C-alpha atoms as a PDB file:
ATOM      1  CA  MET A   1      -7.568 -22.232  27.659  1.00  0.00           C
ATOM      2  CA  ALA A   2      -3.792 -22.707  27.660  1.00  0.00           C
ATOM      3  CA  LYS A   3      -1.705 -19.825  28.933  1.00  0.00           C
ATOM      4  CA  ILE A   4      -1.040 -17.382  26.085  1.00  0.00           C
ATOM      5  CA  ASN A   5       2.390 -15.854  25.472  1.00  0.00           C
ATOM      6  CA  TYR A   6       2.217 -12.730  23.337  1.00  0.00           C
ATOM      7  CA  HIS A   7       5.961 -12.303  22.839  1.00  0.00           C
ATOM      8  CA  GLY A   8       6.870 -11.771  19.169  1.00  0.00           C
ATOM      9  CA  ARG A   9       3.304 -11.663  17.911  1.00  0.00           C
ATOM     10  CA  LYS A  10       1.975  -9.044  15.521  1.00  0.00           C
ATOM     11  CA  PHE A  11      -1.605  -7.748  15.416  1.00  0.00           C
ATOM     12  CA  SER A  12      -3.589  -5.497  13.110  1.00  0.00           C
ATOM     13  CA  GLY A  13      -6.942  -3.647  13.565  1.00  0.00           C
ATOM     14  CA  ILE A  14     -10.076  -5.340  12.230  1.00  0.00           C
ATOM     15  CA  THR A  15     -12.908  -3.126  13.626  1.00  0.00           C
ATOM     16  CA  ASN A  16     -13.086  -0.005  15.737  1.00  0.00           C
ATOM     17  CA  THR A  17     -15.664   2.508  16.867  1.00  0.00           C
ATOM     18  CA  PRO A  18     -15.618   5.901  15.003  1.00  0.00           C
ATOM     19  CA  ASN A  19     -13.780   7.784  17.793  1.00  0.00           C
ATOM     20  CA  GLY A  20     -10.863   5.330  17.671  1.00  0.00           C
ATOM     21  CA  GLN A  21      -7.751   5.655  15.502  1.00  0.00           C
ATOM     22  CA  VAL A  22      -6.660   2.014  15.055  1.00  0.00           C
ATOM     23  CA  ASN A  23      -7.507   0.526  11.601  1.00  0.00           C
ATOM     24  CA  GLY A  24      -6.305  -2.216   9.293  1.00  0.00           C
ATOM     25  CA  ASP A  25      -3.194  -0.260   8.481  1.00  0.00           C
ATOM     26  CA  THR A  26      -2.137  -0.172  12.139  1.00  0.00           C
ATOM     27  CA  VAL A  27       0.321  -2.884  13.136  1.00  0.00           C
ATOM     28  CA  PHE A  28       1.199  -3.797  16.732  1.00  0.00           C
ATOM     29  CA  HIS A  29       4.394  -5.606  17.668  1.00  0.00           C
ATOM     30  CA  TYR A  30       3.912  -7.281  21.103  1.00  0.00           C
ATOM     31  CA  HIS A  31       6.601  -8.252  23.583  1.00  0.00           C
ATOM     32  CA  GLN A  32       6.121 -10.169  26.820  1.00  0.00           C
ATOM     33  CA  SER A  33       8.429 -10.776  29.760  1.00  0.00           C
ATOM     34  CA  GLY A  34       6.751 -12.677  32.570  1.00  0.00           C
ATOM     35  CA  ASN A  35       3.363 -11.061  33.003  1.00  0.00           C
ATOM     36  CA  THR A  36       4.496  -7.699  31.598  1.00  0.00           C
ATOM     37  CA  LEU A  37       3.301  -6.742  28.139  1.00  0.00           C
ATOM     38  CA  THR A  38       4.821  -3.972  25.976  1.00  0.00           C
ATOM     39  CA  ALA A  39       4.173  -3.093  22.366  1.00  0.00           C
ATOM     40  CA  ASN A  40       5.066  -0.621  19.680  1.00  0.00           C
ATOM     41  CA  TYR A  41       2.494   0.309  17.029  1.00  0.00           C
ATOM     42  CA  SER A  42       2.127   2.530  13.954  1.00  0.00           C
ATOM     43  CA  GLY A  43       0.299   2.799  10.722  1.00  0.00           C
ATOM     44  CA  GLY A  44      -2.808   4.438   9.402  1.00  0.00           C
ATOM     45  CA  SER A  45      -3.368   7.689  11.330  1.00  0.00           C
ATOM     46  CA  ILE A  46      -0.821   6.724  14.011  1.00  0.00           C
ATOM     47  CA  VAL A  47       2.823   7.776  13.574  1.00  0.00           C
ATOM     48  CA  ASP A  48       4.314   6.188  16.730  1.00  0.00           C
ATOM     49  CA  GLY A  49       2.646   4.424  19.652  1.00  0.00           C
ATOM     50  CA  HIS A  50       3.537   2.422  22.721  1.00  0.00           C
ATOM     51  CA  MET A  51       1.704   0.142  25.160  1.00  0.00           C
ATOM     52  CA  LYS A  52       2.557  -1.164  28.648  1.00  0.00           C
ATOM     53  CA  GLY A  53       0.494  -3.467  30.777  1.00  0.00           C
ATOM     54  CA  HIS A  54      -0.228  -6.828  32.341  1.00  0.00           C
ATOM     55  CA  VAL A  55      -1.047 -10.283  30.938  1.00  0.00           C
ATOM     56  CA  HIS A  56      -3.419 -12.081  33.282  1.00  0.00           C
ATOM     57  CA  ASP A  57      -3.487 -15.849  33.790  1.00  0.00           C
ATOM     58  CA  ASP A  58      -6.542 -16.194  31.514  1.00  0.00           C
ATOM     59  CA  GLY A  59      -4.672 -14.362  28.688  1.00  0.00           C
ATOM     60  CA  SER A  60      -6.646 -11.143  29.098  1.00  0.00           C
ATOM     61  CA  LEU A  61      -4.687  -7.924  28.921  1.00  0.00           C
ATOM     62  CA  ASP A  62      -4.946  -4.663  30.820  1.00  0.00           C
ATOM     63  CA  PHE A  63      -2.753  -1.837  29.496  1.00  0.00           C
ATOM     64  CA  VAL A  64      -2.247   1.842  28.919  1.00  0.00           C
ATOM     65  CA  TYR A  65      -1.320   3.259  25.510  1.00  0.00           C
ATOM     66  CA  HIS A  66      -0.096   6.541  24.096  1.00  0.00           C
ATOM     67  CA  HIS A  67       0.661   7.645  20.615  1.00  0.00           C
ATOM     68  CA  ILE A  68       1.219  10.614  18.270  1.00  0.00           C
ATOM     69  CA  ASP A  69      -1.130  10.748  15.271  1.00  0.00           C
ATOM     70  CA  THR A  70      -0.533  12.156  11.802  1.00  0.00           C
ATOM     71  CA  GLU A  71      -1.936  15.542  12.950  1.00  0.00           C
ATOM     72  CA  GLY A  72       0.777  15.730  15.610  1.00  0.00           C
ATOM     73  CA  VAL A  73      -1.692  15.208  18.486  1.00  0.00           C
ATOM     74  CA  LEU A  74      -0.546  13.262  21.580  1.00  0.00           C
ATOM     75  CA  LYS A  75      -3.235  10.839  22.791  1.00  0.00           C
ATOM     76  CA  SER A  76      -3.432   8.247  25.574  1.00  0.00           C
ATOM     77  CA  GLY A  77      -5.844   5.823  27.046  1.00  0.00           C
ATOM     78  CA  HIS A  78      -6.607   2.589  28.841  1.00  0.00           C
ATOM     79  CA  CYS A  79      -7.689  -0.778  27.318  1.00  0.00           C
ATOM     80  CA  ALA A  80      -8.876  -4.144  28.571  1.00  0.00           C
ATOM     81  CA  SER A  81      -8.664  -6.996  26.032  1.00  0.00           C
ATOM     82  CA  LYS A  82     -10.080 -10.499  26.060  1.00  0.00           C
ATOM     83  CA  PRO A  83      -8.571 -13.125  23.783  1.00  0.00           C
ATOM     84  CA  GLU A  84     -10.354 -15.499  21.416  1.00  0.00           C
ATOM     85  CA  ILE A  85      -8.360 -18.341  19.836  1.00  0.00           C
ATOM     86  CA  LEU A  86      -9.289 -18.751  16.188  1.00  0.00           C
ATOM     87  CA  GLN A  87      -9.535 -22.172  14.468  1.00  0.00           C
ATOM     88  CA  ASP A  88      -6.188 -21.536  12.764  1.00  0.00           C
ATOM     89  CA  GLY A  89      -4.519 -20.865  16.136  1.00  0.00           C
ATOM     90  CA  ARG A  90      -4.233 -17.095  15.747  1.00  0.00           C
ATOM     91  CA  ILE A  91      -5.452 -14.774  18.449  1.00  0.00           C
ATOM     92  CA  ARG A  92      -8.273 -12.256  18.115  1.00  0.00           C
ATOM     93  CA  LEU A  93      -8.460  -9.625  20.904  1.00  0.00           C
ATOM     94  CA  HIS A  94     -11.774  -8.043  21.783  1.00  0.00           C
ATOM     95  CA  GLU A  95     -10.974  -4.665  23.330  1.00  0.00           C
ATOM     96  CA  LYS A  96     -12.786  -2.085  25.456  1.00  0.00           C
ATOM     97  CA  TRP A  97     -10.894   1.143  25.641  1.00  0.00           C
ATOM     98  CA  ASN A  98     -11.248   4.749  26.756  1.00  0.00           C
ATOM     99  CA  TRP A  99      -9.307   7.886  26.025  1.00  0.00           C
ATOM    100  CA  THR A 100      -7.599   9.560  29.004  1.00  0.00           C
ATOM    101  CA  PHE A 101      -5.887  12.394  27.155  1.00  0.00           C
ATOM    102  CA  GLY A 102      -6.265  13.985  23.711  1.00  0.00           C
ATOM    103  CA  GLY A 103      -9.330  11.955  22.627  1.00  0.00           C
ATOM    104  CA  GLU A 104     -12.894  11.797  23.711  1.00  0.00           C
ATOM    105  CA  GLY A 105     -15.095   8.950  25.005  1.00  0.00           C
ATOM    106  CA  ALA A 106     -14.742   5.220  25.001  1.00  0.00           C
ATOM    107  CA  GLY A 107     -15.061   2.472  22.394  1.00  0.00           C
ATOM    108  CA  GLU A 108     -14.583  -1.131  21.354  1.00  0.00           C
ATOM    109  CA  SER A 109     -12.253  -2.608  18.797  1.00  0.00           C
ATOM    110  CA  ILE A 110     -10.993  -5.930  17.579  1.00  0.00           C
ATOM    111  CA  VAL A 111      -7.348  -6.625  16.645  1.00  0.00           C
ATOM    112  CA  GLU A 112      -6.261  -9.911  15.101  1.00  0.00           C
ATOM    113  CA  GLU A 113      -2.944 -11.624  14.948  1.00  0.00           C
ATOM    114  CA  ILE A 114      -1.203 -11.531  11.588  1.00  0.00           C
ATOM    115  CA  LYS A 115       1.398 -14.150  10.638  1.00  0.00           C
END
């Protein structure tokens, strides 16, 4: 797989486990500098969120996230994502995450690049 650069890409939620908050109305705006990934996200039940992490040589991601939801609750967690390149060239990320503050448990989600 060619090295992936996430800078300037946008993603939206496709699937999530019930204890997660990301859905199809959540949009992520990714930025990358070197191997550092940052993102802002909002939509659905999330008012304002931020991510910071690493992009590995294989395109996988390891990051922490935090956001405030529509109920005013601050939540944070950790996520590891593995990329899949779709036939049309877009990226689908398969994520395994866990809450570290404000939420309970762990889960899996898929986010997909939107053009």
